[in-house]
Amino acid sequence: MTESNVVKLPEAKAKAEEAGKAVVDFAREHPGLIVAGGVALGLVAGALLSRGSGRKLARHALTLAEMAGTASVAFGRQAIERAEDAGEGLRRQGEALADKAGKLKAPAEDAVDQASDAAQRLLHKAVELAGKLRR
């Protein structure tokens, strides 16, 4: 039997969960204080940033938004093209199936007619046999 000199540390996960619950509980109990703190942080950040940096940041944000919009349009066009291609392929397959079904229609109708004639002949024979058996 070997002994270990490793000491178990308290589980960090449990402590993190407890800390998270404490923060959530605090926010639920003091929502006004949370909002006031957010406003204060915004004011401090605004005071620390120069006017030019705020405008520069806004220009960068606008540029990123324009890029995202352009990418969205490009992706949308690609999706439309792919959908149209898929629809065209499905239309061709549908036409081929309709052609095959059209070619099978006449033989199927002939088979139904022959089966109907055979059923009528069988019925007549059955009636004939039934009449002979009654005599």
Protein backbone atom coordinates (compact mmCIF):
# COMPACT_ATOMS: atom_id res chain seq x y z
CA MET A 1 0.00 0.00 0.00
CA THR A 2 1.41 3.35 -1.04
CA GLU A 3 0.61 6.58 0.67
CA SER A 4 0.10 9.77 -1.22
CA ASN A 5 1.15 13.19 -0.08
CA VAL A 6 -1.43 14.84 -2.33
CA VAL A 7 -3.87 17.02 -0.46
CA LYS A 8 -7.33 17.35 -1.92
CA LEU A 9 -8.21 20.92 -2.76
CA PRO A 10 -11.76 22.16 -2.35
CA GLU A 11 -13.69 21.93 -5.57
CA ALA A 12 -13.40 25.15 -7.52
CA LYS A 13 -16.56 24.39 -9.49
CA ALA A 14 -18.76 24.40 -6.41
CA LYS A 15 -17.23 27.70 -5.26
CA ALA A 16 -17.78 29.24 -8.69
CA GLU A 17 -21.43 28.15 -8.67
CA GLU A 18 -21.91 29.63 -5.20
CA ALA A 19 -20.31 32.90 -6.29
CA GLY A 20 -22.52 33.01 -9.39
CA LYS A 21 -25.62 32.44 -7.28
CA ALA A 22 -24.57 35.19 -4.91
CA VAL A 23 -24.18 37.68 -7.78
CA VAL A 24 -27.55 36.74 -9.24
CA ASP A 25 -29.21 37.05 -5.83
CA PHE A 26 -27.62 40.47 -5.30
CA ALA A 27 -28.81 41.66 -8.73
CA ARG A 28 -32.35 40.46 -7.99
CA GLU A 29 -32.41 42.19 -4.61
CA HIS A 30 -30.90 45.48 -5.84
CA PRO A 31 -31.85 46.11 -9.49
CA GLY A 32 -31.70 49.90 -9.12
CA LEU A 33 -28.17 49.73 -7.80
CA ILE A 34 -27.13 47.58 -10.77
CA VAL A 35 -28.62 50.09 -13.25
CA ALA A 36 -26.99 53.03 -11.44
CA GLY A 37 -23.62 51.23 -11.52
CA GLY A 38 -23.97 50.66 -15.25
CA VAL A 39 -24.77 54.31 -15.85
CA ALA A 40 -21.80 55.37 -13.70
CA LEU A 41 -19.44 53.08 -15.60
CA GLY A 42 -20.73 54.49 -18.89
CA LEU A 43 -20.14 58.05 -17.70
CA VAL A 44 -16.61 57.23 -16.57
CA ALA A 45 -15.82 55.50 -19.86
CA GLY A 46 -17.24 58.46 -21.79
CA ALA A 47 -15.17 60.92 -19.78
CA LEU A 48 -11.98 58.92 -20.33
CA LEU A 49 -12.45 58.62 -24.09
CA SER A 50 -11.66 61.65 -26.21
CA ARG A 51 -14.26 62.98 -28.62
CA GLY A 52 -12.27 61.80 -31.61
CA SER A 53 -11.94 58.25 -30.33
CA GLY A 54 -15.69 57.98 -29.83
CA ARG A 55 -16.29 59.12 -33.40
CA LYS A 56 -13.60 56.78 -34.67
CA LEU A 57 -15.18 53.92 -32.78
CA ALA A 58 -18.58 54.79 -34.26
CA ARG A 59 -17.09 54.89 -37.79
CA HIS A 60 -15.51 51.46 -37.24
CA ALA A 61 -18.81 50.11 -35.96
CA LEU A 62 -20.61 51.53 -39.01
CA THR A 63 -18.02 49.99 -41.33
CA LEU A 64 -18.43 46.61 -39.65
CA ALA A 65 -22.21 46.88 -39.93
CA GLU A 66 -21.93 47.68 -43.64
CA MET A 67 -19.62 44.71 -44.16
CA ALA A 68 -22.03 42.44 -42.32
CA GLY A 69 -24.93 43.72 -44.44
CA THR A 70 -22.99 43.15 -47.66
CA ALA A 71 -22.03 39.64 -46.57
CA SER A 72 -25.65 38.91 -45.70
CA VAL A 73 -26.79 40.00 -49.15
CA ALA A 74 -24.10 37.84 -50.79
CA PHE A 75 -25.05 34.81 -48.70
CA GLY A 76 -28.72 35.43 -49.47
CA ARG A 77 -28.03 35.51 -53.22
CA GLN A 78 -26.05 32.28 -52.98
CA ALA A 79 -28.88 30.64 -51.06
CA ILE A 80 -31.41 31.76 -53.69
CA GLU A 81 -29.24 30.44 -56.51
CA ARG A 82 -28.82 27.09 -54.78
CA ALA A 83 -32.56 26.86 -54.13
CA GLU A 84 -33.28 27.66 -57.78
CA ASP A 85 -30.80 25.01 -58.93
CA ALA A 86 -32.32 22.45 -56.62
CA GLY A 87 -35.82 23.37 -57.82
CA GLU A 88 -34.74 23.01 -61.45
CA GLY A 89 -33.31 19.55 -60.74
CA LEU A 90 -36.48 18.49 -58.96
CA ARG A 91 -38.59 19.81 -61.85
CA ARG A 92 -36.56 17.74 -64.34
CA GLN A 93 -36.93 14.64 -62.19
CA GLY A 94 -40.68 15.24 -61.91
CA GLU A 95 -40.99 15.58 -65.68
CA ALA A 96 -39.06 12.33 -66.20
CA LEU A 97 -41.34 10.53 -63.73
CA ALA A 98 -44.42 11.97 -65.45
CA ASP A 99 -43.14 10.73 -68.81
CA LYS A 100 -42.58 7.25 -67.39
CA ALA A 101 -46.02 7.27 -65.82
CA GLY A 102 -47.53 8.36 -69.13
CA LYS A 103 -45.80 5.50 -70.92
CA LEU A 104 -47.10 3.05 -68.32
CA LYS A 105 -50.67 4.36 -68.52
CA ALA A 106 -51.70 2.48 -71.68
CA PRO A 107 -50.31 -0.92 -70.55
CA ALA A 108 -51.94 -0.41 -67.16
CA GLU A 109 -55.29 0.40 -68.74
CA ASP A 110 -54.97 -2.70 -70.96
CA ALA A 111 -54.20 -4.83 -67.91
CA VAL A 112 -57.25 -3.45 -66.08
CA ASP A 113 -59.46 -4.12 -69.11
CA GLN A 114 -58.13 -7.68 -69.42
CA ALA A 115 -58.63 -8.29 -65.71
CA SER A 116 -62.17 -6.95 -65.94
CA ASP A 117 -62.93 -9.21 -68.94
CA ALA A 118 -61.45 -12.21 -67.12
CA ALA A 119 -63.52 -11.41 -64.02
CA GLN A 120 -66.70 -11.20 -66.12
CA ARG A 121 -65.93 -14.54 -67.81
CA LEU A 122 -65.29 -16.13 -64.42
CA LEU A 123 -68.56 -14.72 -63.11
CA HIS A 124 -70.47 -16.14 -66.11
CA LYS A 125 -68.83 -19.55 -65.61
CA ALA A 126 -69.65 -19.46 -61.91
CA VAL A 127 -73.30 -18.64 -62.67
CA GLU A 128 -73.38 -21.44 -65.27
CA LEU A 129 -71.93 -23.95 -62.80
CA ALA A 130 -74.29 -22.82 -60.08
CA GLY A 131 -77.24 -23.34 -62.47
CA LYS A 132 -76.04 -26.84 -63.38
CA LEU A 133 -75.62 -27.77 -59.73
CA ARG A 134 -79.18 -26.68 -58.90
CA ARG A 135 -80.70 -28.98 -61.53
